[in-house]
Amino acid sequence: MTIDYGWVTLGVVILAYAVAVYLLYAKGWIGKDKPLTLLGPALMIKTERGRDMLERVAYSAKRFWNWFGDAGIVLAIVAMAGMALLLIWEAVKVLSIPASAAPSPSEALALPGINPFIPVGYGIVALVVAVVLHELCHGILARANDVKVRSLGILWLVIPIGAFVEQDEEEMTKAPARKRDRIAAAGVMANFVLAIVFFIILSAIFTTSIQPKADGVGVYSVLSGSPAQNATIAAGDIITMVNGSATPNAVTLRDALSNCHPNETVTVAWYSQQVSAVVHANVTFAPASAFVPGLTGNASRAAFLGIEEYAIPPQAFISLLQNPFGGAASQSGINVAGGLASPILFLALPFVSMEPMQGTASQFFTVSGPLTFLTAGGVWILANMVYWLVWMNLLLGLCNALPAVPFDGGFLFTDAATKVMRKLKSSWSDARLEGFVNRLAIATTLFIFFLIIWQFVGPRL
């Protein structure tokens, strides 16, 4: 039996954390009014340090921060509606997804080390930055609206997983709805603003320093014994032309191959990493059936080159980082989802092995411009880090806008429902109104979580 020491190490670390928490609890060091408190399995490490800083920042520009909170309410409501509609649309679409293509449960959590598509290093740094600044904005808006902040701190679950700012619950309850909503929406607003700021840095600095070595299809891997290997095409090369037809993306490459025949010899051009130049050579195609078992009909008689390509060409990748709302999707030969194709592609880079940019894919580019003083590896480390700061802040902002408790959107939804029902049912007592809204909030929360879980369960039924 083979022992996976990585899982053994993780198990030992989790067990050590559980034992440490138990011992702290047994000694009376963990409790509601103590510096250490439990939030589920996570340890809340609280401190009163930093409260004066929050107050100074809040009172130095109180009008600005209240405007920031008001803008956050509008933005959060728009994001709330958008996310709810998206989840409903996805709930219908999953019925047509085969079980083999359904996402795994680990992909439901955007946590580094659990979600296989989020790199641990970049993911942890981006998550901590996003959560800490999210919570600090809650604290700043609380003080700008005269709500006391009791403590600040970090959440620890084996590793630091976030931060928190604890407002005075009694003052929050007594505060006018608009003030409460400003405080609740502040985190969502902060994450969206941070996503924009980090994107501007990514677009304005890094993409002007990274250029593709050629326009074409990036080669992910080459099949052993294939015509591509016989022609010395290797992983990291870029196919630019087949039989006189330019191949700016995978679709045009497949179209060019479809016009060729097995055993036909044609000219193929590619940027070779080995010689750092575009190479033209005659390549004799093989029948696809010789390398791909089970093919029948025309597919078995297709010309076969023997490469696996990246979904996004190098030139489209740079275009995507510069403007996610531009034409990067069409450059990649992707014509689905209409105007949303490029933004979706920007967020999907981790799922197509192009973020973090490293290894084979990083060979497609050369470094020039303002960052030439750095090594290529250094440029990509910084670019990857900024991309994940954009990605994590956007994801955290969208998730927190969901109309479900304990997300910020859940509290905004509760206040909005209370306001609407008070107008519709003016004869109701406060107790009856509160009871109805609480039940509505619970039902909405359960519905949202059902929609999320359904994406993973539905295709498997």
Protein backbone atom coordinates (compact mmCIF):
# COMPACT_ATOMS: atom_id res chain seq x y z
CA MET A 1 0.00 0.00 0.00
CA THR A 2 1.34 3.42 -0.98
CA ILE A 3 1.20 6.06 1.75
CA ASP A 4 0.43 9.62 0.71
CA TYR A 5 2.53 11.55 3.21
CA GLY A 6 0.97 14.85 2.14
CA TRP A 7 -2.44 13.75 3.44
CA VAL A 8 -0.82 12.24 6.54
CA THR A 9 0.90 15.55 7.28
CA LEU A 10 -2.34 17.47 6.77
CA GLY A 11 -4.16 15.08 9.11
CA VAL A 12 -1.49 15.50 11.80
CA VAL A 13 -1.65 19.31 11.51
CA ILE A 14 -5.46 19.34 11.79
CA LEU A 15 -5.35 16.98 14.78
CA ALA A 16 -2.74 19.17 16.48
CA TYR A 17 -4.94 22.23 15.90
CA ALA A 18 -7.98 20.44 17.36
CA VAL A 19 -6.01 19.34 20.44
CA ALA A 20 -4.63 22.86 20.97
CA VAL A 21 -8.13 24.39 20.78
CA TYR A 22 -9.49 21.79 23.19
CA LEU A 23 -6.72 22.46 25.74
CA LEU A 24 -7.28 26.23 25.51
CA TYR A 25 -11.01 25.68 26.05
CA ALA A 26 -10.40 23.31 28.99
CA LYS A 27 -8.19 25.92 30.67
CA GLY A 28 -10.90 28.55 30.33
CA TRP A 29 -9.03 30.70 27.84
CA ILE A 30 -11.80 30.48 25.23
CA GLY A 31 -15.20 32.12 25.83
CA LYS A 32 -17.63 34.74 24.59
CA ASP A 33 -16.10 37.59 26.59
CA LYS A 34 -12.49 36.41 26.31
CA PRO A 35 -9.78 37.29 23.76
CA LEU A 36 -10.27 33.82 22.23
CA THR A 37 -13.71 32.78 20.92
CA LEU A 38 -14.91 29.94 18.74
CA LEU A 39 -16.84 30.55 15.53
CA GLY A 40 -17.71 27.01 14.52
CA PRO A 41 -14.35 25.22 14.25
CA ALA A 42 -12.49 28.51 13.66
CA LEU A 43 -10.69 30.32 16.46
CA MET A 44 -11.40 34.04 16.73
CA ILE A 45 -8.39 35.88 18.14
CA LYS A 46 -9.72 39.25 19.32
CA THR A 47 -8.03 42.49 20.28
CA GLU A 48 -9.09 46.06 21.00
CA ARG A 49 -5.97 47.42 19.33
CA GLY A 50 -6.74 49.21 16.09
CA ARG A 51 -10.06 50.69 17.20
CA ASP A 52 -8.53 54.17 17.50
CA MET A 53 -7.15 53.87 13.99
CA LEU A 54 -10.59 52.96 12.61
CA GLU A 55 -12.09 55.95 14.38
CA ARG A 56 -9.46 58.37 13.04
CA VAL A 57 -9.94 57.12 9.48
CA ALA A 58 -13.73 57.25 9.76
CA TYR A 59 -13.96 60.73 11.29
CA SER A 60 -11.30 62.28 9.04
CA ALA A 61 -13.61 61.89 6.02
CA LYS A 62 -17.00 61.01 7.46
CA ARG A 63 -18.98 62.42 4.52
CA PHE A 64 -16.88 60.44 2.02
CA TRP A 65 -17.28 57.18 3.92
CA ASN A 66 -21.04 57.61 4.15
CA TRP A 67 -21.16 58.26 0.41
CA PHE A 68 -19.01 55.13 0.01
CA GLY A 69 -21.54 53.17 2.04
CA ASP A 70 -24.53 54.52 0.08
CA ALA A 71 -22.84 53.60 -3.21
CA GLY A 72 -22.13 50.19 -1.72
CA ILE A 73 -25.84 49.64 -0.98
CA VAL A 74 -26.74 50.25 -4.63
CA LEU A 75 -23.87 48.11 -5.93
CA ALA A 76 -24.65 45.29 -3.50
CA ILE A 77 -28.33 45.23 -4.51
CA VAL A 78 -27.41 45.05 -8.20
CA ALA A 79 -24.89 42.28 -7.49
CA MET A 80 -27.45 40.49 -5.30
CA ALA A 81 -30.03 40.43 -8.08
CA GLY A 82 -27.42 39.39 -10.65
CA MET A 83 -26.08 36.53 -8.54
CA ALA A 84 -29.56 35.25 -7.70
CA LEU A 85 -30.56 35.24 -11.39
CA LEU A 86 -27.28 33.56 -12.32
CA LEU A 87 -27.84 30.78 -9.78
CA ILE A 88 -31.39 30.21 -11.05
CA TRP A 89 -30.16 30.10 -14.67
CA GLU A 90 -27.39 27.65 -13.72
CA ALA A 91 -29.91 25.48 -11.84
CA VAL A 92 -31.78 25.00 -15.12
CA LYS A 93 -28.64 24.49 -17.20
CA VAL A 94 -27.17 21.77 -14.98
CA LEU A 95 -29.97 19.44 -16.05
CA SER A 96 -28.25 19.16 -19.43
CA ILE A 97 -24.76 18.54 -17.99
CA PRO A 98 -23.60 14.89 -17.91
CA ALA A 99 -22.43 13.52 -14.56
CA SER A 100 -18.88 13.15 -15.93
CA ALA A 101 -18.69 16.90 -16.51
CA ALA A 102 -20.22 17.93 -13.17
CA PRO A 103 -17.98 19.92 -10.82
CA SER A 104 -16.64 18.17 -7.73
CA PRO A 105 -17.71 19.25 -4.21
CA SER A 106 -14.20 20.61 -3.54
CA GLU A 107 -14.77 23.16 -6.29
CA ALA A 108 -17.71 24.62 -4.34
CA LEU A 109 -15.37 26.22 -1.80
CA ALA A 110 -13.08 28.98 -3.03
CA LEU A 111 -10.46 28.08 -0.44
CA PRO A 112 -6.79 27.60 -1.30
CA GLY A 113 -5.68 24.03 -0.67
CA ILE A 114 -9.26 22.69 -0.97
CA ASN A 115 -10.32 24.00 -4.37
CA PRO A 116 -7.95 22.30 -6.87
CA PHE A 117 -7.94 25.31 -9.19
CA ILE A 118 -6.81 27.88 -6.61
CA PRO A 119 -3.03 27.85 -5.97
CA VAL A 120 -2.19 27.66 -2.29
CA GLY A 121 0.40 30.45 -2.14
CA TYR A 122 -1.28 33.06 -4.33
CA GLY A 123 -4.70 32.02 -3.06
CA ILE A 124 -3.92 32.44 0.64
CA VAL A 125 -2.31 35.87 0.17
CA ALA A 126 -5.17 37.09 -2.02
CA LEU A 127 -7.83 35.72 0.35
CA VAL A 128 -6.22 37.29 3.43
CA VAL A 129 -5.84 40.69 1.72
CA ALA A 130 -9.44 40.59 0.43
CA VAL A 131 -10.95 39.54 3.77
CA VAL A 132 -8.87 41.89 5.93
CA LEU A 133 -9.68 44.99 3.84
CA HIS A 134 -13.32 43.86 3.58
CA GLU A 135 -13.60 43.72 7.37
CA LEU A 136 -11.69 46.97 7.94
CA CYS A 137 -14.23 48.77 5.75
CA HIS A 138 -17.04 47.35 7.88
CA GLY A 139 -15.28 48.83 10.92
CA ILE A 140 -14.67 52.21 9.30
CA LEU A 141 -18.31 52.53 8.23
CA ALA A 142 -19.46 51.46 11.68
CA ARG A 143 -17.56 54.31 13.30
CA ALA A 144 -18.59 56.76 10.55
CA ASN A 145 -22.19 55.91 11.49
CA ASP A 146 -21.54 56.10 15.24
CA VAL A 147 -21.75 52.36 15.91
CA LYS A 148 -19.20 51.11 18.42
CA VAL A 149 -16.54 48.58 17.37
CA ARG A 150 -15.92 46.12 20.20
CA SER A 151 -12.90 44.30 18.80
CA LEU A 152 -10.86 43.38 15.76
CA GLY A 153 -9.04 40.16 15.05
CA ILE A 154 -8.25 37.23 12.82
CA LEU A 155 -9.93 33.89 12.17
CA TRP A 156 -7.63 30.91 12.59
CA LEU A 157 -8.50 27.47 11.25
CA VAL A 158 -5.17 25.59 11.14
CA ILE A 159 -3.97 28.61 9.12
CA PRO A 160 -5.20 32.25 9.10
CA ILE A 161 -8.35 32.20 6.95
CA GLY A 162 -9.64 35.73 7.43
CA ALA A 163 -10.32 38.65 9.70
CA PHE A 164 -13.27 40.23 11.44
CA VAL A 165 -14.46 43.49 12.97
CA GLU A 166 -16.97 42.96 15.77
CA GLN A 167 -19.59 45.71 16.05
CA ASP A 168 -21.70 46.31 19.13
CA GLU A 169 -24.83 44.23 18.46
CA GLU A 170 -27.14 46.39 20.56
CA GLU A 171 -26.08 49.61 18.81
CA MET A 172 -26.37 47.91 15.40
CA THR A 173 -29.93 46.84 16.23
CA LYS A 174 -30.94 50.33 17.39
CA ALA A 175 -29.27 52.13 14.45
CA PRO A 176 -31.49 53.39 11.58
CA ALA A 177 -31.78 50.94 8.69
CA ARG A 178 -29.78 53.15 6.32
CA LYS A 179 -26.83 53.24 8.71
CA ARG A 180 -26.96 49.46 9.20
CA ASP A 181 -27.10 48.96 5.44
CA ARG A 182 -24.11 51.22 4.86
CA ILE A 183 -22.10 49.13 7.30
CA ALA A 184 -23.26 45.86 5.74
CA ALA A 185 -22.59 47.01 2.16
CA ALA A 186 -19.17 48.45 2.96
CA GLY A 187 -17.39 45.11 2.61
CA VAL A 188 -18.95 44.35 -0.79
CA MET A 189 -18.07 47.85 -2.00
CA ALA A 190 -14.51 47.49 -0.72
CA ASN A 191 -13.95 44.23 -2.59
CA PHE A 192 -15.30 45.60 -5.87
CA VAL A 193 -13.16 48.74 -5.58
CA LEU A 194 -10.08 46.67 -4.77
CA ALA A 195 -10.78 44.37 -7.75
CA ILE A 196 -10.86 47.45 -10.02
CA VAL A 197 -7.68 48.91 -8.53
CA PHE A 198 -5.72 45.66 -8.86
CA PHE A 199 -7.07 45.14 -12.38
CA ILE A 200 -5.81 48.60 -13.42
CA ILE A 201 -2.39 47.66 -12.05
CA LEU A 202 -2.47 44.37 -13.96
CA SER A 203 -3.64 45.98 -17.20
CA ALA A 204 -1.54 49.16 -17.12
CA ILE A 205 1.78 47.76 -15.89
CA PHE A 206 2.14 44.03 -16.40
CA THR A 207 0.47 43.56 -19.78
CA THR A 208 2.61 46.34 -21.27
CA SER A 209 5.71 44.41 -20.19
CA ILE A 210 4.69 40.97 -21.49
CA GLN A 211 4.49 40.24 -25.21
CA PRO A 212 3.75 36.97 -27.08
CA LYS A 213 6.67 35.59 -29.08
CA ALA A 214 4.33 34.78 -31.97
CA ASP A 215 0.64 34.84 -32.88
CA GLY A 216 -0.72 31.33 -33.01
CA VAL A 217 -1.76 28.27 -31.02
CA GLY A 218 0.28 27.40 -27.95
CA VAL A 219 1.32 23.75 -27.71
CA TYR A 220 0.50 22.18 -24.33
CA SER A 221 1.88 18.71 -25.09
CA VAL A 222 3.02 16.52 -27.99
CA LEU A 223 2.02 12.88 -28.43
CA SER A 224 4.92 10.45 -28.59
CA GLY A 225 5.61 9.14 -32.09
CA SER A 226 3.22 11.63 -33.69
CA PRO A 227 3.96 13.72 -36.82
CA ALA A 228 4.45 16.76 -34.56
CA GLN A 229 7.17 15.02 -32.56
CA ASN A 230 8.81 13.74 -35.75
CA ALA A 231 8.93 17.36 -36.96
CA THR A 232 10.54 18.42 -33.60
CA ILE A 233 7.50 20.44 -32.51
CA ALA A 234 7.60 20.52 -28.68
CA ALA A 235 5.53 21.71 -25.72
CA GLY A 236 5.91 25.48 -25.44
CA ASP A 237 6.09 26.05 -29.21
CA ILE A 238 3.47 28.11 -31.06
CA ILE A 239 1.83 26.83 -34.27
CA THR A 240 1.40 29.81 -36.63
CA MET A 241 0.48 28.25 -40.01
CA VAL A 242 -0.66 24.97 -41.60
CA ASN A 243 -0.52 24.53 -45.38
CA GLY A 244 -0.57 28.28 -46.01
CA SER A 245 -3.47 28.98 -43.62
CA ALA A 246 -2.76 31.12 -40.56
CA THR A 247 -3.74 29.49 -37.25
CA PRO A 248 -4.43 32.30 -34.75
CA ASN A 249 -6.50 29.97 -32.54
CA ALA A 250 -7.45 26.34 -31.97
CA VAL A 251 -10.56 26.61 -34.19
CA THR A 252 -8.59 27.81 -37.22
CA LEU A 253 -5.97 25.13 -36.56
CA ARG A 254 -8.63 22.41 -36.62
CA ASP A 255 -10.15 23.92 -39.77
CA ALA A 256 -6.75 23.87 -41.47
CA LEU A 257 -6.21 20.23 -40.46
CA SER A 258 -9.67 19.30 -41.74
CA ASN A 259 -8.59 20.41 -45.22
CA CYS A 260 -5.60 18.05 -45.11
CA HIS A 261 -5.46 14.27 -45.49
CA PRO A 262 -3.55 11.42 -43.83
CA ASN A 263 -0.15 10.75 -45.43
CA GLU A 264 -0.28 14.21 -47.07
CA THR A 265 2.86 16.32 -46.66
CA VAL A 266 2.30 20.05 -46.12
CA THR A 267 4.26 22.99 -44.77
CA VAL A 268 3.74 23.78 -41.09
CA ALA A 269 5.16 26.90 -39.42
CA TRP A 270 5.76 27.27 -35.72
CA TYR A 271 7.71 29.37 -33.28
CA SER A 272 10.35 27.03 -31.88
CA GLN A 273 11.57 27.67 -28.35
CA GLN A 274 14.68 25.65 -29.18
CA VAL A 275 15.90 28.05 -31.87
CA SER A 276 13.97 31.18 -30.73
CA ALA A 277 12.56 31.74 -34.22
CA VAL A 278 9.72 30.72 -36.53
CA VAL A 279 10.50 27.44 -38.30
CA HIS A 280 8.95 26.20 -41.56
CA ALA A 281 9.07 22.45 -42.23
CA ASN A 282 7.31 19.78 -44.23
CA VAL A 283 5.15 17.55 -42.05
CA THR A 284 3.50 14.31 -43.15
CA PHE A 285 0.19 13.76 -41.35
CA ALA A 286 -0.89 10.42 -39.95
CA PRO A 287 -4.44 9.03 -39.83
CA ALA A 288 -6.16 9.90 -36.57
CA SER A 289 -7.19 6.27 -36.06
CA ALA A 290 -3.52 5.30 -35.64
CA PHE A 291 -3.29 7.36 -32.43
CA VAL A 292 -6.86 7.71 -31.13
CA PRO A 293 -8.60 4.34 -30.62
CA GLY A 294 -12.33 3.99 -31.15
CA LEU A 295 -12.70 6.58 -33.91
CA THR A 296 -15.07 5.76 -36.75
CA GLY A 297 -16.18 7.35 -40.02
CA ASN A 298 -14.63 10.61 -41.20
CA ALA A 299 -13.03 11.21 -37.79
CA SER A 300 -10.88 8.09 -38.15
CA ARG A 301 -9.64 9.30 -41.55
CA ALA A 302 -8.79 12.85 -40.43
CA ALA A 303 -5.29 14.25 -40.70
CA PHE A 304 -3.55 13.98 -37.35
CA LEU A 305 -0.76 16.26 -36.13
CA GLY A 306 -0.44 15.02 -32.55
CA ILE A 307 -0.54 18.09 -30.31
CA GLU A 308 -2.73 19.20 -27.42
CA GLU A 309 -3.23 22.93 -27.56
CA TYR A 310 -4.03 25.61 -24.98
CA ALA A 311 -7.58 26.94 -25.20
CA ILE A 312 -6.43 30.56 -25.25
CA PRO A 313 -3.74 31.70 -27.74
CA PRO A 314 -0.88 33.81 -26.29
CA GLN A 315 -2.00 36.98 -28.09
CA ALA A 316 -5.59 36.55 -26.86
CA PHE A 317 -4.31 36.00 -23.31
CA ILE A 318 -2.60 39.41 -23.28
CA SER A 319 -5.70 41.02 -24.82
CA LEU A 320 -7.84 39.41 -22.13
CA LEU A 321 -5.71 40.82 -19.30
CA GLN A 322 -5.79 44.26 -20.88
CA ASN A 323 -9.56 44.33 -21.39
CA PRO A 324 -11.82 41.49 -20.17
CA PHE A 325 -14.75 43.13 -22.01
CA GLY A 326 -12.93 43.23 -25.36
CA GLY A 327 -12.63 40.69 -28.14
CA ALA A 328 -10.35 38.15 -26.48
CA ALA A 329 -12.99 35.42 -26.67
CA SER A 330 -13.44 35.83 -30.43
CA GLN A 331 -9.65 35.85 -30.81
CA SER A 332 -9.72 32.47 -29.07
CA GLY A 333 -12.45 31.21 -31.40
CA ILE A 334 -15.04 31.20 -28.61
CA ASN A 335 -18.43 32.51 -29.71
CA VAL A 336 -20.73 31.50 -26.85
CA ALA A 337 -22.36 33.57 -24.10
CA GLY A 338 -22.38 36.67 -26.33
CA GLY A 339 -20.85 39.75 -24.75
CA LEU A 340 -20.16 37.85 -21.53
CA ALA A 341 -17.74 35.40 -23.19
CA SER A 342 -14.59 37.46 -22.56
CA PRO A 343 -15.37 38.35 -18.90
CA ILE A 344 -16.18 34.69 -18.21
CA LEU A 345 -12.94 33.69 -19.92
CA PHE A 346 -11.00 36.13 -17.72
CA LEU A 347 -12.39 34.46 -14.60
CA ALA A 348 -11.93 30.98 -16.09
CA LEU A 349 -8.16 31.27 -16.68
CA PRO A 350 -7.41 28.98 -13.69
CA PHE A 351 -9.68 26.31 -15.19
CA VAL A 352 -7.84 26.20 -18.54
CA SER A 353 -4.33 25.90 -17.04
CA MET A 354 -3.37 29.49 -17.85
CA GLU A 355 -3.36 30.97 -14.34
CA PRO A 356 -1.14 31.02 -12.47
CA MET A 357 1.06 31.50 -15.52
CA GLN A 358 4.03 29.19 -15.10
CA GLY A 359 5.94 26.35 -16.72
CA THR A 360 5.17 25.62 -20.38
CA ALA A 361 2.67 28.45 -20.89
CA SER A 362 5.08 31.12 -19.62
CA GLN A 363 7.45 30.23 -22.49
CA PHE A 364 5.01 31.81 -24.96
CA PHE A 365 5.95 35.31 -23.79
CA THR A 366 8.92 37.62 -23.60
CA VAL A 367 9.42 40.43 -21.06
CA SER A 368 9.96 43.99 -22.26
CA GLY A 369 8.90 47.50 -21.31
CA PRO A 370 8.94 48.94 -17.76
CA LEU A 371 9.56 45.61 -16.01
CA THR A 372 12.62 44.46 -17.96
CA PHE A 373 14.73 44.96 -14.83
CA LEU A 374 13.02 41.87 -13.39
CA THR A 375 13.61 38.29 -14.42
CA ALA A 376 10.83 36.60 -16.39
CA GLY A 377 10.06 34.50 -13.32
CA GLY A 378 9.82 37.60 -11.13
CA VAL A 379 7.44 39.31 -13.56
CA TRP A 380 5.13 36.30 -13.62
CA ILE A 381 5.13 35.95 -9.83
CA LEU A 382 3.98 39.56 -9.47
CA ALA A 383 1.51 39.33 -12.37
CA ASN A 384 0.00 36.13 -10.97
CA MET A 385 -0.30 37.71 -7.54
CA VAL A 386 -2.13 40.76 -8.89
CA TYR A 387 -4.44 38.56 -11.00
CA TRP A 388 -5.43 36.54 -7.93
CA LEU A 389 -6.02 39.73 -5.96
CA VAL A 390 -8.48 40.77 -8.70
CA TRP A 391 -10.05 37.31 -8.82
CA MET A 392 -10.45 36.83 -5.06
CA ASN A 393 -11.78 40.34 -4.38
CA LEU A 394 -14.33 40.02 -7.17
CA LEU A 395 -15.40 36.57 -5.97
CA LEU A 396 -15.64 37.67 -2.33
CA GLY A 397 -17.67 40.75 -3.27
CA LEU A 398 -20.11 38.73 -5.38
CA CYS A 399 -20.51 35.97 -2.77
CA ASN A 400 -21.10 38.44 0.03
CA ALA A 401 -23.84 40.11 -2.02
CA LEU A 402 -25.92 36.92 -2.01
CA PRO A 403 -29.28 37.39 -0.22
CA ALA A 404 -28.45 34.78 2.38
CA VAL A 405 -27.48 35.03 6.04
CA PRO A 406 -24.69 35.37 7.20
CA PHE A 407 -23.52 37.12 4.02
CA ASP A 408 -23.71 40.92 3.90
CA GLY A 409 -26.41 40.62 1.26
CA GLY A 410 -28.53 38.66 3.73
CA PHE A 411 -28.65 41.60 6.13
CA LEU A 412 -29.41 44.02 3.29
CA PHE A 413 -32.20 41.72 2.10
CA THR A 414 -33.66 41.53 5.62
CA ASP A 415 -33.75 45.31 6.00
CA ALA A 416 -35.24 45.74 2.51
CA ALA A 417 -37.91 43.09 3.21
CA THR A 418 -38.76 44.79 6.51
CA LYS A 419 -39.20 48.15 4.78
CA VAL A 420 -41.41 46.70 2.04
CA MET A 421 -43.58 44.64 4.40
CA ARG A 422 -44.04 47.58 6.76
CA LYS A 423 -45.61 49.50 3.87
CA LEU A 424 -47.68 46.56 2.64
CA LYS A 425 -48.81 45.43 6.10
CA SER A 426 -48.97 48.64 8.12
CA SER A 427 -51.45 47.03 10.52
CA TRP A 428 -48.99 44.35 11.62
CA SER A 429 -47.33 44.66 15.01
CA ASP A 430 -43.54 44.92 15.21
CA ALA A 431 -43.32 41.39 16.61
CA ARG A 432 -45.42 39.91 13.79
CA LEU A 433 -43.46 41.85 11.16
CA GLU A 434 -40.13 40.73 12.63
CA GLY A 435 -41.26 37.11 12.77
CA PHE A 436 -42.39 37.12 9.14
CA VAL A 437 -39.19 38.76 7.88
CA ASN A 438 -37.03 36.32 9.87
CA ARG A 439 -38.88 33.37 8.34
CA LEU A 440 -38.54 34.91 4.89
CA ALA A 441 -34.80 35.43 5.42
CA ILE A 442 -34.37 31.80 6.50
CA ALA A 443 -36.36 30.54 3.50
CA THR A 444 -34.35 32.71 1.10
CA THR A 445 -31.08 31.55 2.65
CA LEU A 446 -32.07 27.89 2.30
CA PHE A 447 -33.15 28.50 -1.30
CA ILE A 448 -29.81 30.14 -2.20
CA PHE A 449 -27.81 27.30 -0.62
CA PHE A 450 -30.02 24.78 -2.41
CA LEU A 451 -29.24 26.46 -5.74
CA ILE A 452 -25.51 26.28 -4.97
CA ILE A 453 -25.61 22.62 -3.91
CA TRP A 454 -27.84 21.74 -6.87
CA GLN A 455 -25.02 22.60 -9.28
CA PHE A 456 -23.05 19.67 -7.88
CA VAL A 457 -25.92 17.26 -7.16
CA GLY A 458 -28.24 17.89 -10.11
CA PRO A 459 -26.06 16.44 -12.91
CA ARG A 460 -25.47 13.27 -10.86
CA LEU A 461 -29.16 12.43 -10.33
